[in-house]
C-alpha cells in the first residue's frame, strides 16, 4: 500500500494548522469543516511519487488499484511508469472519507469503517499481489482491519506522503512486514509526518 504524494491541500491544511497553533488555538479542528477536496500533487509530491515508483520497480506487480481522486491517480500513474504492463484500475471505494468522484457525501465513521471492511474482504479473496494507492485514513483503517484489530482511532497507523506499507498473507492470515516507511525518500522530501 502507498499513500499519495504531497498534495496542494496537504500544504494548505498544514499552513492552517500552524497558523492556529501560533494563535494558541488547540481545541479547534485545524482542518475546518468539509475540507476534503480533489487537489493535485505539488511539485514535491510528484517527485515523491516518481521516487516511490523507482523504488518499487525492484518488486514489480501486475495490478495497481488506486483511488480515483487526482492526488492518488497522479501518484499511481507515476508508479505505473516504472512498471510496464501493469493493470492500473481506479476504484472509487478507495477514495478519502466523504469523497466519491469529487462529490461530498455524508458518511459516518461507522459507515466509513464498514466500507473499508468491504474492501478488506475483496483483497482477502484476491489471489495475486496487488499494489494499492490511497489515502492516509483509509490505509490506516485497512491496516487495523487486516491485523484483526478494532478501529479505535482512524489514524492509528500513520502514513506520511508516499509511505509504503507491506503485508504478506500466510495461511489465510495477514502479517505486517513494515508500515508507513519513507526510507526510500531523502529526508528533504519527507512530508506528512505528523
Protein backbone atom coordinates (compact mmCIF):
# COMPACT_ATOMS: atom_id res chain seq x y z
CA UNK A 1 0.00 0.00 0.00
CA UNK A 2 1.17 3.53 -0.80
CA UNK A 3 -0.26 6.84 0.37
CA UNK A 4 -0.42 9.53 -2.32
CA UNK A 5 2.29 12.17 -2.62
CA UNK A 6 2.05 15.62 -1.10
CA UNK A 7 -0.98 17.49 -2.46
CA UNK A 8 -1.79 21.19 -2.60
CA UNK A 9 -4.47 20.55 0.01
CA UNK A 10 -1.94 18.87 2.34
CA UNK A 11 0.16 22.06 2.20
CA UNK A 12 -2.86 24.31 2.80
CA UNK A 13 -4.05 22.22 5.75
CA UNK A 14 -0.57 22.23 7.30
CA UNK A 15 -0.35 26.02 6.92
CA UNK A 16 -3.76 26.44 8.57
CA UNK A 17 -2.81 24.07 11.39
CA UNK A 18 0.40 26.05 12.02
CA UNK A 19 -1.44 29.41 11.97
CA UNK A 20 -3.94 28.12 14.53
CA UNK A 21 -1.18 26.74 16.76
CA UNK A 22 0.59 30.13 16.65
CA UNK A 23 -2.68 31.76 17.77
CA UNK A 24 -2.85 29.40 20.73
CA UNK A 25 -5.93 27.59 19.42
CA UNK A 26 -5.64 23.95 20.40
CA UNK A 27 -9.29 22.97 20.77
CA UNK A 28 -10.38 23.79 17.21
CA UNK A 29 -10.24 21.36 14.29
CA UNK A 30 -7.31 22.71 12.23
CA UNK A 31 -8.77 21.27 9.04
CA UNK A 32 -12.03 23.14 9.22
CA UNK A 33 -15.43 21.83 8.19
CA UNK A 34 -15.73 19.96 4.92
CA UNK A 35 -12.07 20.25 3.99
CA UNK A 36 -11.91 17.28 1.66
CA UNK A 37 -11.06 18.24 -1.88
CA UNK A 38 -9.73 16.78 -5.08
CA UNK A 39 -6.45 18.68 -5.13
CA UNK A 40 -3.49 17.80 -7.37
CA UNK A 41 0.01 16.91 -6.25
CA UNK A 42 2.54 19.63 -5.57
CA UNK A 43 5.85 19.57 -7.48
CA UNK A 44 7.37 17.95 -4.39
CA UNK A 45 4.53 15.39 -4.38
CA UNK A 46 5.32 14.47 -8.00
CA UNK A 47 8.99 13.95 -7.05
CA UNK A 48 7.91 11.76 -4.11
CA UNK A 49 5.67 9.69 -6.38
CA UNK A 50 8.40 9.21 -9.02
CA UNK A 51 10.95 8.17 -6.40
CA UNK A 52 8.40 5.74 -4.96
CA UNK A 53 7.80 4.28 -8.40
CA UNK A 54 11.54 3.93 -8.97
CA UNK A 55 11.90 2.19 -5.60
CA UNK A 56 9.00 -0.21 -6.25
CA UNK A 57 10.28 -1.29 -9.68
CA UNK A 58 12.55 -3.77 -7.85
CA UNK A 59 9.38 -5.68 -6.84
CA UNK A 60 7.14 -5.50 -9.90
CA UNK A 61 3.46 -6.22 -9.63
CA UNK A 62 0.83 -6.80 -12.29
CA UNK A 63 -2.12 -4.99 -10.64
CA UNK A 64 -2.42 -1.49 -9.17
CA UNK A 65 -5.67 -0.29 -7.61
CA UNK A 66 -5.98 3.43 -6.95
CA UNK A 67 -8.40 5.93 -5.51
CA UNK A 68 -9.98 7.96 -8.28
CA UNK A 69 -9.06 11.28 -6.66
CA UNK A 70 -6.45 13.35 -8.51
CA UNK A 71 -3.63 13.15 -5.95
CA UNK A 72 -3.85 9.35 -5.75
CA UNK A 73 -4.33 8.86 -9.51
CA UNK A 74 -1.30 11.02 -10.28
CA UNK A 75 0.79 9.09 -7.72
CA UNK A 76 -0.41 5.78 -9.22
CA UNK A 77 0.46 6.95 -12.74
CA UNK A 78 3.99 7.90 -11.62
CA UNK A 79 4.41 4.44 -10.05
CA UNK A 80 2.96 2.72 -13.14
CA UNK A 81 5.56 4.45 -15.33
CA UNK A 82 8.15 2.19 -13.65
CA UNK A 83 6.05 -0.99 -14.03
CA UNK A 84 5.49 -1.75 -17.74
CA UNK A 85 2.35 -3.76 -18.42
CA UNK A 86 0.76 -3.06 -15.03
CA UNK A 87 -3.06 -3.10 -14.94
CA UNK A 88 -4.00 0.23 -13.31
CA UNK A 89 -7.62 0.37 -12.11
CA UNK A 90 -9.38 3.32 -10.49
CA UNK A 91 -11.56 2.26 -7.55
CA UNK A 92 -13.91 4.90 -6.07
CA UNK A 93 -14.29 2.81 -2.89
CA UNK A 94 -10.65 3.73 -2.07
CA UNK A 95 -11.47 7.45 -2.05
CA UNK A 96 -10.94 9.51 1.08
CA UNK A 97 -13.80 9.64 3.55
CA UNK A 98 -16.69 11.72 2.26
CA UNK A 99 -15.31 11.92 -1.28
CA UNK A 100 -16.52 10.00 -4.28
CA UNK A 101 -15.94 11.29 -7.77
CA UNK A 102 -15.28 14.75 -6.28
CA UNK A 103 -18.76 14.94 -4.74
CA UNK A 104 -19.04 15.33 -0.98
CA UNK A 105 -21.20 12.60 0.52
CA UNK A 106 -22.20 12.25 4.14
CA UNK A 107 -20.63 9.18 5.68
CA UNK A 108 -20.43 8.40 9.38
CA UNK A 109 -17.32 6.83 10.85
CA UNK A 110 -19.18 3.52 11.19
CA UNK A 111 -20.15 3.66 7.51
CA UNK A 112 -16.56 4.50 6.59
CA UNK A 113 -15.18 1.55 8.58
CA UNK A 114 -17.83 -0.72 7.01
CA UNK A 115 -16.73 0.46 3.54
CA UNK A 116 -13.07 -0.25 4.34
CA UNK A 117 -14.06 -3.67 5.76
CA UNK A 118 -15.84 -4.46 2.48
CA UNK A 119 -12.65 -3.58 0.61
CA UNK A 120 -10.64 -5.76 3.02
CA UNK A 121 -12.96 -8.64 2.16
CA UNK A 122 -12.21 -8.05 -1.53
CA UNK A 123 -8.45 -8.30 -1.05
CA UNK A 124 -8.89 -11.32 1.23
CA UNK A 125 -10.19 -13.18 -1.84
CA UNK A 126 -7.56 -11.83 -4.22
CA UNK A 127 -5.10 -14.50 -5.40
CA UNK A 128 -2.44 -12.15 -6.76
CA UNK A 129 -0.25 -9.39 -5.33
CA UNK A 130 -1.94 -6.00 -5.58
CA UNK A 131 -0.44 -2.56 -5.11
CA UNK A 132 -2.93 -0.11 -3.57
CA UNK A 133 -2.57 3.68 -3.79
CA UNK A 134 -4.85 5.61 -1.49
CA UNK A 135 -5.28 7.99 1.42
CA UNK A 136 -3.93 8.02 4.95
CA UNK A 137 -7.15 7.34 6.88
CA UNK A 138 -8.30 4.61 4.52
CA UNK A 139 -4.92 2.86 4.62
CA UNK A 140 -4.72 3.20 8.41
CA UNK A 141 -8.16 1.65 8.95
CA UNK A 142 -7.38 -1.06 6.37
CA UNK A 143 -4.16 -1.87 8.25
CA UNK A 144 -6.08 -2.23 11.53
CA UNK A 145 -8.66 -4.50 9.89
CA UNK A 146 -6.05 -6.68 8.15
CA UNK A 147 -4.35 -7.17 11.52
CA UNK A 148 -7.69 -8.05 13.16
CA UNK A 149 -7.55 -5.01 15.44
CA UNK A 150 -10.52 -2.87 16.47
CA UNK A 151 -10.62 0.52 14.80
CA UNK A 152 -10.38 2.80 17.82
CA UNK A 153 -8.51 5.58 16.02
CA UNK A 154 -8.82 6.10 12.25
CA UNK A 155 -5.19 7.28 12.14
CA UNK A 156 -3.67 4.67 14.46
CA UNK A 157 -1.21 3.77 11.70
CA UNK A 158 0.44 6.91 10.36
CA UNK A 159 1.11 7.15 6.64
CA UNK A 160 3.29 10.07 5.56
CA UNK A 161 3.16 11.12 1.93
CA UNK A 162 4.27 8.26 -0.37
CA UNK A 163 4.76 5.96 2.64
CA UNK A 164 4.87 2.27 1.80
CA UNK A 165 3.18 -0.42 3.90
CA UNK A 166 3.69 -4.06 3.02
CA UNK A 167 1.71 -7.11 4.07
CA UNK A 168 2.19 -10.77 3.41
CA UNK A 169 -0.58 -13.35 3.60
CA UNK A 170 0.34 -16.68 5.10
CA UNK A 171 -2.13 -19.48 5.86
CA UNK A 172 -5.01 -17.06 5.31
CA UNK A 173 -3.68 -14.52 7.84
CA UNK A 174 -2.16 -11.15 7.13
CA UNK A 175 1.27 -10.35 8.54
CA UNK A 176 2.62 -6.81 8.58
CA UNK A 177 6.12 -6.63 7.06
CA UNK A 178 6.57 -2.87 7.58
CA UNK A 179 4.25 0.11 7.91
CA UNK A 180 4.45 3.74 6.80
CA UNK A 181 8.03 3.54 5.55
CA UNK A 182 9.52 6.56 3.81
CA UNK A 183 13.09 5.22 3.82
CA UNK A 184 13.09 5.38 0.01
CA UNK A 185 12.72 9.18 0.13
CA UNK A 186 15.52 11.61 1.02
CA UNK A 187 14.81 13.41 4.30
CA UNK A 188 14.21 16.69 2.46
CA UNK A 189 11.28 15.07 0.59
CA UNK A 190 9.51 13.56 3.61
CA UNK A 191 6.21 15.29 4.32
CA UNK A 192 3.01 14.47 6.16
CA UNK A 193 4.94 13.02 9.08
CA UNK A 194 2.60 14.42 11.76
